[in-house]
Amino acid sequence: MLIQRLLTKQQQKLTELTAQSQLEQQLLLIRKQQLSEASLSFIGSTPGLMLSFCAGCLFQLRHNSAVKMMRSLVGFRWITRLIG
């Protein structure tokens, strides 16, 4: 009788956790879709196109010594900010 009561409690807890997990999965899916829509709208906007163009230009100049120096300086600043 005690074992049966414990089993029913565990089954109830399992069903609650399963329902909670399903709700969280649905919420994550909705957030993923919202993020996808927001990123697609940003990419099509003027700032998104400018950012994409600048990134493409910098990618073509990735072997330039000035770009390498800037990249190393910015990287070093981020490291010092994280440590300090």
PDB file of N, CA and C in Angstrom:
ATOM      1  N   MET A   1       0.818  -1.183   0.000  1.00  0.00           N
ATOM      2  CA  MET A   1       0.000   0.000   0.000  1.00  0.00           C
ATOM      3  C   MET A   1       0.873   1.263   0.000  1.00  0.00           C
ATOM      4  N   LEU A   2       1.907   1.288   0.806  1.00  0.00           N
ATOM      5  CA  LEU A   2       2.819   2.415   0.842  1.00  0.00           C
ATOM      6  C   LEU A   2       3.577   2.530  -0.484  1.00  0.00           C
ATOM      7  N   ILE A   3       3.984   1.392  -0.993  1.00  0.00           N
ATOM      8  CA  ILE A   3       4.701   1.372  -2.265  1.00  0.00           C
ATOM      9  C   ILE A   3       3.791   1.883  -3.388  1.00  0.00           C
ATOM     10  N   GLN A   4       2.544   1.465  -3.353  1.00  0.00           N
ATOM     11  CA  GLN A   4       1.589   1.912  -4.374  1.00  0.00           C
ATOM     12  C   GLN A   4       1.393   3.422  -4.309  1.00  0.00           C
ATOM     13  N   ARG A   5       1.312   3.970  -3.112  1.00  0.00           N
ATOM     14  CA  ARG A   5       1.150   5.406  -2.939  1.00  0.00           C
ATOM     15  C   ARG A   5       2.384   6.155  -3.451  1.00  0.00           C
ATOM     16  N   LEU A   6       3.562   5.623  -3.153  1.00  0.00           N
ATOM     17  CA  LEU A   6       4.790   6.246  -3.645  1.00  0.00           C
ATOM     18  C   LEU A   6       4.873   6.182  -5.170  1.00  0.00           C
ATOM     19  N   LEU A   7       4.442   5.063  -5.729  1.00  0.00           N
ATOM     20  CA  LEU A   7       4.446   4.938  -7.191  1.00  0.00           C
ATOM     21  C   LEU A   7       3.500   5.933  -7.852  1.00  0.00           C
ATOM     22  N   THR A   8       2.320   6.099  -7.262  1.00  0.00           N
ATOM     23  CA  THR A   8       1.379   7.055  -7.843  1.00  0.00           C
ATOM     24  C   THR A   8       1.916   8.483  -7.736  1.00  0.00           C
ATOM     25  N   LYS A   9       2.584   8.802  -6.610  1.00  0.00           N
ATOM     26  CA  LYS A   9       3.181  10.129  -6.475  1.00  0.00           C
ATOM     27  C   LYS A   9       4.250  10.347  -7.543  1.00  0.00           C
ATOM     28  N   GLN A  10       5.072   9.338  -7.745  1.00  0.00           N
ATOM     29  CA  GLN A  10       6.131   9.448  -8.740  1.00  0.00           C
ATOM     30  C   GLN A  10       5.555   9.576 -10.151  1.00  0.00           C
ATOM     31  N   GLN A  11       4.484   8.844 -10.432  1.00  0.00           N
ATOM     32  CA  GLN A  11       3.858   8.943 -11.746  1.00  0.00           C
ATOM     33  C   GLN A  11       3.232  10.315 -11.970  1.00  0.00           C
ATOM     34  N   GLN A  12       2.620  10.864 -10.915  1.00  0.00           N
ATOM     35  CA  GLN A  12       2.049  12.207 -11.026  1.00  0.00           C
ATOM     36  C   GLN A  12       3.156  13.238 -11.276  1.00  0.00           C
ATOM     37  N   LYS A  13       4.252  13.087 -10.549  1.00  0.00           N
ATOM     38  CA  LYS A  13       5.374  14.004 -10.727  1.00  0.00           C
ATOM     39  C   LYS A  13       5.955  13.874 -12.136  1.00  0.00           C
ATOM     40  N   LEU A  14       6.028  12.659 -12.638  1.00  0.00           N
ATOM     41  CA  LEU A  14       6.533  12.424 -13.980  1.00  0.00           C
ATOM     42  C   LEU A  14       5.635  13.059 -15.032  1.00  0.00           C
ATOM     43  N   THR A  15       4.325  12.934 -14.869  1.00  0.00           N
ATOM     44  CA  THR A  15       3.409  13.543 -15.840  1.00  0.00           C
ATOM     45  C   THR A  15       3.492  15.071 -15.792  1.00  0.00           C
ATOM     46  N   GLU A  16       3.638  15.626 -14.583  1.00  0.00           N
ATOM     47  CA  GLU A  16       3.789  17.073 -14.458  1.00  0.00           C
ATOM     48  C   GLU A  16       5.069  17.546 -15.145  1.00  0.00           C
ATOM     49  N   LEU A  17       6.160  16.844 -14.900  1.00  0.00           N
ATOM     50  CA  LEU A  17       7.428  17.227 -15.515  1.00  0.00           C
ATOM     51  C   LEU A  17       7.397  17.056 -17.035  1.00  0.00           C
ATOM     52  N   THR A  18       6.701  16.030 -17.506  1.00  0.00           N
ATOM     53  CA  THR A  18       6.566  15.825 -18.947  1.00  0.00           C
ATOM     54  C   THR A  18       5.780  16.965 -19.582  1.00  0.00           C
ATOM     55  N   ALA A  19       4.696  17.363 -18.935  1.00  0.00           N
ATOM     56  CA  ALA A  19       3.893  18.473 -19.455  1.00  0.00           C
ATOM     57  C   ALA A  19       4.701  19.771 -19.434  1.00  0.00           C
ATOM     58  N   GLN A  20       5.444  19.991 -18.361  1.00  0.00           N
ATOM     59  CA  GLN A  20       6.280  21.190 -18.262  1.00  0.00           C
ATOM     60  C   GLN A  20       7.356  21.186 -19.347  1.00  0.00           C
ATOM     61  N   SER A  21       7.939  20.041 -19.595  1.00  0.00           N
ATOM     62  CA  SER A  21       8.962  19.925 -20.624  1.00  0.00           C
ATOM     63  C   SER A  21       8.391  20.206 -22.008  1.00  0.00           C
ATOM     64  N   GLN A  22       7.199  19.706 -22.279  1.00  0.00           N
ATOM     65  CA  GLN A  22       6.563  19.959 -23.570  1.00  0.00           C
ATOM     66  C   GLN A  22       6.266  21.442 -23.765  1.00  0.00           C
ATOM     67  N   LEU A  23       5.808  22.112 -22.682  1.00  0.00           N
ATOM     68  CA  LEU A  23       5.544  23.548 -22.773  1.00  0.00           C
ATOM     69  C   LEU A  23       6.836  24.328 -23.029  1.00  0.00           C
ATOM     70  N   GLU A  24       7.916  23.932 -22.348  1.00  0.00           N
ATOM     71  CA  GLU A  24       9.192  24.609 -22.550  1.00  0.00           C
ATOM     72  C   GLU A  24       9.716  24.382 -23.965  1.00  0.00           C
ATOM     73  N   GLN A  25       9.514  23.188 -24.504  1.00  0.00           N
ATOM     74  CA  GLN A  25       9.932  22.915 -25.879  1.00  0.00           C
ATOM     75  C   GLN A  25       9.149  23.770 -26.867  1.00  0.00           C
ATOM     76  N   GLN A  26       7.851  23.920 -26.640  1.00  0.00           N
ATOM     77  CA  GLN A  26       7.035  24.765 -27.507  1.00  0.00           C
ATOM     78  C   GLN A  26       7.479  26.225 -27.417  1.00  0.00           C
ATOM     79  N   LEU A  27       7.785  26.673 -26.191  1.00  0.00           N
ATOM     80  CA  LEU A  27       8.249  28.035 -25.991  1.00  0.00           C
ATOM     81  C   LEU A  27       9.581  28.264 -26.701  1.00  0.00           C
ATOM     82  N   LEU A  28      10.486  27.300 -26.603  1.00  0.00           N
ATOM     83  CA  LEU A  28      11.768  27.415 -27.292  1.00  0.00           C
ATOM     84  C   LEU A  28      11.591  27.458 -28.806  1.00  0.00           C
ATOM     85  N   LEU A  29      10.679  26.666 -29.318  1.00  0.00           N
ATOM     86  CA  LEU A  29      10.411  26.666 -30.752  1.00  0.00           C
ATOM     87  C   LEU A  29       9.852  28.012 -31.203  1.00  0.00           C
ATOM     88  N   ILE A  30       8.951  28.576 -30.416  1.00  0.00           N
ATOM     89  CA  ILE A  30       8.375  29.882 -30.751  1.00  0.00           C
ATOM     90  C   ILE A  30       9.455  30.958 -30.714  1.00  0.00           C
ATOM     91  N   ARG A  31      10.325  30.917 -29.694  1.00  0.00           N
ATOM     92  CA  ARG A  31      11.408  31.896 -29.601  1.00  0.00           C
ATOM     93  C   ARG A  31      12.384  31.748 -30.765  1.00  0.00           C
ATOM     94  N   LYS A  32      12.633  30.516 -31.170  1.00  0.00           N
ATOM     95  CA  LYS A  32      13.527  30.283 -32.308  1.00  0.00           C
ATOM     96  C   LYS A  32      12.929  30.868 -33.575  1.00  0.00           C
ATOM     97  N   GLN A  33      11.631  30.683 -33.778  1.00  0.00           N
ATOM     98  CA  GLN A  33      10.966  31.237 -34.954  1.00  0.00           C
ATOM     99  C   GLN A  33      10.975  32.759 -34.923  1.00  0.00           C
ATOM    100  N   GLN A  34      10.753  33.344 -33.746  1.00  0.00           N
ATOM    101  CA  GLN A  34      10.778  34.798 -33.621  1.00  0.00           C
ATOM    102  C   GLN A  34      12.170  35.347 -33.925  1.00  0.00           C
ATOM    103  N   LEU A  35      13.196  34.663 -33.408  1.00  0.00           N
ATOM    104  CA  LEU A  35      14.561  35.096 -33.665  1.00  0.00           C
ATOM    105  C   LEU A  35      14.903  34.983 -35.139  1.00  0.00           C
ATOM    106  N   SER A  36      14.438  33.931 -35.771  1.00  0.00           N
ATOM    107  CA  SER A  36      14.673  33.754 -37.199  1.00  0.00           C
ATOM    108  C   SER A  36      14.003  34.860 -37.997  1.00  0.00           C
ATOM    109  N   GLU A  37      12.758  35.187 -37.660  1.00  0.00           N
ATOM    110  CA  GLU A  37      12.056  36.263 -38.357  1.00  0.00           C
ATOM    111  C   GLU A  37      12.736  37.605 -38.134  1.00  0.00           C
ATOM    112  N   ALA A  38      13.176  37.855 -36.893  1.00  0.00           N
ATOM    113  CA  ALA A  38      13.841  39.124 -36.592  1.00  0.00           C
ATOM    114  C   ALA A  38      15.167  39.238 -37.326  1.00  0.00           C
ATOM    115  N   SER A  39      15.912  38.140 -37.379  1.00  0.00           N
ATOM    116  CA  SER A  39      17.200  38.196 -38.075  1.00  0.00           C
ATOM    117  C   SER A  39      17.003  38.359 -39.577  1.00  0.00           C
ATOM    118  N   LEU A  40      15.990  37.719 -40.138  1.00  0.00           N
ATOM    119  CA  LEU A  40      15.723  37.897 -41.567  1.00  0.00           C
ATOM    120  C   LEU A  40      15.303  39.330 -41.876  1.00  0.00           C
ATOM    121  N   SER A  41      14.511  39.924 -41.019  1.00  0.00           N
ATOM    122  CA  SER A  41      14.104  41.310 -41.259  1.00  0.00           C
ATOM    123  C   SER A  41      15.285  42.256 -41.072  1.00  0.00           C
ATOM    124  N   PHE A  42      16.206  41.938 -40.140  1.00  0.00           N
ATOM    125  CA  PHE A  42      17.391  42.784 -39.950  1.00  0.00           C
ATOM    126  C   PHE A  42      18.324  42.686 -41.140  1.00  0.00           C
ATOM    127  N   ILE A  43      18.506  41.488 -41.658  1.00  0.00           N
ATOM    128  CA  ILE A  43      19.403  41.308 -42.801  1.00  0.00           C
ATOM    129  C   ILE A  43      18.896  42.090 -44.012  1.00  0.00           C
ATOM    130  N   GLY A  44      17.603  42.174 -44.184  1.00  0.00           N
ATOM    131  CA  GLY A  44      17.035  42.900 -45.305  1.00  0.00           C
ATOM    132  C   GLY A  44      16.971  44.403 -45.103  1.00  0.00           C
ATOM    133  N   SER A  45      17.221  44.862 -43.870  1.00  0.00           N
ATOM    134  CA  SER A  45      17.139  46.298 -43.603  1.00  0.00           C
ATOM    135  C   SER A  45      18.442  46.996 -44.004  1.00  0.00           C
ATOM    136  N   THR A  46      18.414  48.310 -43.998  1.00  0.00           N
ATOM    137  CA  THR A  46      19.590  49.091 -44.384  1.00  0.00           C
ATOM    138  C   THR A  46      20.785  48.842 -43.462  1.00  0.00           C
ATOM    139  N   PRO A  47      20.617  48.874 -42.135  1.00  0.00           N
ATOM    140  CA  PRO A  47      21.782  48.586 -41.287  1.00  0.00           C
ATOM    141  C   PRO A  47      22.323  47.165 -41.480  1.00  0.00           C
ATOM    142  N   GLY A  48      21.437  46.229 -41.716  1.00  0.00           N
ATOM    143  CA  GLY A  48      21.884  44.856 -41.927  1.00  0.00           C
ATOM    144  C   GLY A  48      22.682  44.712 -43.207  1.00  0.00           C
ATOM    145  N   LEU A  49      22.224  45.379 -44.267  1.00  0.00           N
ATOM    146  CA  LEU A  49      22.958  45.337 -45.525  1.00  0.00           C
ATOM    147  C   LEU A  49      24.308  46.036 -45.401  1.00  0.00           C
ATOM    148  N   MET A  50      24.353  47.138 -44.661  1.00  0.00           N
ATOM    149  CA  MET A  50      25.632  47.833 -44.453  1.00  0.00           C
ATOM    150  C   MET A  50      26.593  46.966 -43.656  1.00  0.00           C
ATOM    151  N   LEU A  51      26.078  46.317 -42.627  1.00  0.00           N
ATOM    152  CA  LEU A  51      26.923  45.441 -41.820  1.00  0.00           C
ATOM    153  C   LEU A  51      27.446  44.274 -42.650  1.00  0.00           C
ATOM    154  N   SER A  52      26.596  43.713 -43.480  1.00  0.00           N
ATOM    155  CA  SER A  52      27.010  42.615 -44.339  1.00  0.00           C
ATOM    156  C   SER A  52      28.070  43.070 -45.335  1.00  0.00           C
ATOM    157  N   PHE A  53      27.886  44.251 -45.909  1.00  0.00           N
ATOM    158  CA  PHE A  53      28.857  44.785 -46.857  1.00  0.00           C
ATOM    159  C   PHE A  53      30.203  45.028 -46.184  1.00  0.00           C
ATOM    160  N   CYS A  54      30.178  45.627 -44.992  1.00  0.00           N
ATOM    161  CA  CYS A  54      31.427  45.897 -44.259  1.00  0.00           C
ATOM    162  C   CYS A  54      32.129  44.600 -43.883  1.00  0.00           C
ATOM    163  N   ALA A  55      31.370  43.619 -43.461  1.00  0.00           N
ATOM    164  CA  ALA A  55      31.973  42.330 -43.107  1.00  0.00           C
ATOM    165  C   ALA A  55      32.599  41.681 -44.339  1.00  0.00           C
ATOM    166  N   GLY A  56      31.945  41.797 -45.487  1.00  0.00           N
ATOM    167  CA  GLY A  56      32.511  41.248 -46.716  1.00  0.00           C
ATOM    168  C   GLY A  56      33.796  41.946 -47.109  1.00  0.00           C
ATOM    169  N   CYS A  57      33.818  43.281 -46.966  1.00  0.00           N
ATOM    170  CA  CYS A  57      35.044  44.029 -47.277  1.00  0.00           C
ATOM    171  C   CYS A  57      36.173  43.638 -46.340  1.00  0.00           C
ATOM    172  N   LEU A  58      35.876  43.543 -45.052  1.00  0.00           N
ATOM    173  CA  LEU A  58      36.912  43.153 -44.093  1.00  0.00           C
ATOM    174  C   LEU A  58      37.388  41.724 -44.334  1.00  0.00           C
ATOM    175  N   PHE A  59      36.482  40.866 -44.761  1.00  0.00           N
ATOM    176  CA  PHE A  59      36.890  39.490 -45.033  1.00  0.00           C
ATOM    177  C   PHE A  59      37.861  39.439 -46.205  1.00  0.00           C
ATOM    178  N   GLN A  60      37.653  40.286 -47.201  1.00  0.00           N
ATOM    179  CA  GLN A  60      38.576  40.307 -48.332  1.00  0.00           C
ATOM    180  C   GLN A  60      39.933  40.876 -47.940  1.00  0.00           C
ATOM    181  N   LEU A  61      39.942  41.732 -46.919  1.00  0.00           N
ATOM    182  CA  LEU A  61      41.203  42.341 -46.467  1.00  0.00           C
ATOM    183  C   LEU A  61      41.825  41.601 -45.290  1.00  0.00           C
ATOM    184  N   ARG A  62      41.406  40.371 -45.051  1.00  0.00           N
ATOM    185  CA  ARG A  62      41.843  39.664 -43.846  1.00  0.00           C
ATOM    186  C   ARG A  62      43.340  39.397 -43.813  1.00  0.00           C
ATOM    187  N   HIS A  63      44.024  39.420 -44.968  1.00  0.00           N
ATOM    188  CA  HIS A  63      45.465  39.176 -44.988  1.00  0.00           C
ATOM    189  C   HIS A  63      46.264  40.473 -44.957  1.00  0.00           C
ATOM    190  N   ASN A  64      45.579  41.595 -44.937  1.00  0.00           N
ATOM    191  CA  ASN A  64      46.246  42.892 -44.867  1.00  0.00           C
ATOM    192  C   ASN A  64      46.839  43.061 -43.473  1.00  0.00           C
ATOM    193  N   SER A  65      48.056  43.597 -43.398  1.00  0.00           N
ATOM    194  CA  SER A  65      48.739  43.717 -42.102  1.00  0.00           C
ATOM    195  C   SER A  65      48.033  44.701 -41.180  1.00  0.00           C
ATOM    196  N   ALA A  66      47.468  45.784 -41.715  1.00  0.00           N
ATOM    197  CA  ALA A  66      46.767  46.751 -40.866  1.00  0.00           C
ATOM    198  C   ALA A  66      45.522  46.123 -40.246  1.00  0.00           C
ATOM    199  N   VAL A  67      44.798  45.334 -41.036  1.00  0.00           N
ATOM    200  CA  VAL A  67      43.602  44.666 -40.514  1.00  0.00           C
ATOM    201  C   VAL A  67      43.994  43.638 -39.466  1.00  0.00           C
ATOM    202  N   LYS A  68      45.090  42.925 -39.692  1.00  0.00           N
ATOM    203  CA  LYS A  68      45.553  41.946 -38.703  1.00  0.00           C
ATOM    204  C   LYS A  68      45.920  42.635 -37.391  1.00  0.00           C
ATOM    205  N   MET A  69      46.570  43.804 -37.485  1.00  0.00           N
ATOM    206  CA  MET A  69      46.961  44.514 -36.272  1.00  0.00           C
ATOM    207  C   MET A  69      45.724  44.998 -35.524  1.00  0.00           C
ATOM    208  N   MET A  70      44.741  45.551 -36.233  1.00  0.00           N
ATOM    209  CA  MET A  70      43.517  46.000 -35.578  1.00  0.00           C
ATOM    210  C   MET A  70      42.784  44.844 -34.909  1.00  0.00           C
ATOM    211  N   ARG A  71      42.755  43.713 -35.604  1.00  0.00           N
ATOM    212  CA  ARG A  71      42.078  42.544 -35.054  1.00  0.00           C
ATOM    213  C   ARG A  71      42.776  42.066 -33.789  1.00  0.00           C
ATOM    214  N   SER A  72      44.102  42.080 -33.782  1.00  0.00           N
ATOM    215  CA  SER A  72      44.826  41.635 -32.590  1.00  0.00           C
ATOM    216  C   SER A  72      44.647  42.615 -31.441  1.00  0.00           C
ATOM    217  N   LEU A  73      44.613  43.931 -31.746  1.00  0.00           N
ATOM    218  CA  LEU A  73      44.409  44.919 -30.687  1.00  0.00           C
ATOM    219  C   LEU A  73      43.017  44.810 -30.078  1.00  0.00           C
ATOM    220  N   VAL A  74      42.007  44.674 -30.928  1.00  0.00           N
ATOM    221  CA  VAL A  74      40.635  44.538 -30.421  1.00  0.00           C
ATOM    222  C   VAL A  74      40.505  43.255 -29.619  1.00  0.00           C
ATOM    223  N   GLY A  75      41.104  42.170 -30.101  1.00  0.00           N
ATOM    224  CA  GLY A  75      41.072  40.908 -29.364  1.00  0.00           C
ATOM    225  C   GLY A  75      41.748  41.023 -28.023  1.00  0.00           C
ATOM    226  N   PHE A  76      42.872  41.741 -27.994  1.00  0.00           N
ATOM    227  CA  PHE A  76      43.589  41.923 -26.731  1.00  0.00           C
ATOM    228  C   PHE A  76      42.768  42.745 -25.755  1.00  0.00           C
ATOM    229  N   ARG A  77      42.068  43.764 -26.261  1.00  0.00           N
ATOM    230  CA  ARG A  77      41.223  44.574 -25.377  1.00  0.00           C
ATOM    231  C   ARG A  77      40.086  43.745 -24.789  1.00  0.00           C
ATOM    232  N   TRP A  78      39.488  42.876 -25.587  1.00  0.00           N
ATOM    233  CA  TRP A  78      38.416  42.043 -25.068  1.00  0.00           C
ATOM    234  C   TRP A  78      38.938  41.104 -24.002  1.00  0.00           C
ATOM    235  N   ILE A  79      40.133  40.563 -24.206  1.00  0.00           N
ATOM    236  CA  ILE A  79      40.707  39.654 -23.205  1.00  0.00           C
ATOM    237  C   ILE A  79      40.985  40.388 -21.911  1.00  0.00           C
ATOM    238  N   THR A  80      41.568  41.600 -22.012  1.00  0.00           N
ATOM    239  CA  THR A  80      41.862  42.358 -20.786  1.00  0.00           C
ATOM    240  C   THR A  80      40.584  42.771 -20.073  1.00  0.00           C
ATOM    241  N   ARG A  81      39.516  43.058 -20.814  1.00  0.00           N
ATOM    242  CA  ARG A  81      38.243  43.393 -20.165  1.00  0.00           C
ATOM    243  C   ARG A  81      37.641  42.179 -19.454  1.00  0.00           C
ATOM    244  N   LEU A  82      37.788  41.021 -20.058  1.00  0.00           N
ATOM    245  CA  LEU A  82      37.241  39.820 -19.433  1.00  0.00           C
ATOM    246  C   LEU A  82      38.019  39.457 -18.179  1.00  0.00           C
ATOM    247  N   ILE A  83      39.331  39.601 -18.224  1.00  0.00           N
ATOM    248  CA  ILE A  83      40.165  39.244 -17.073  1.00  0.00           C
ATOM    249  C   ILE A  83      40.032  40.284 -15.978  1.00  0.00           C
ATOM    250  N   GLY A  84      40.083  41.548 -16.361  1.00  0.00           N
ATOM    251  CA  GLY A  84      40.087  42.646 -15.380  1.00  0.00           C
ATOM    252  C   GLY A  84      38.734  42.967 -14.941  1.00  0.00           C
TER     253      GLY A  84
END
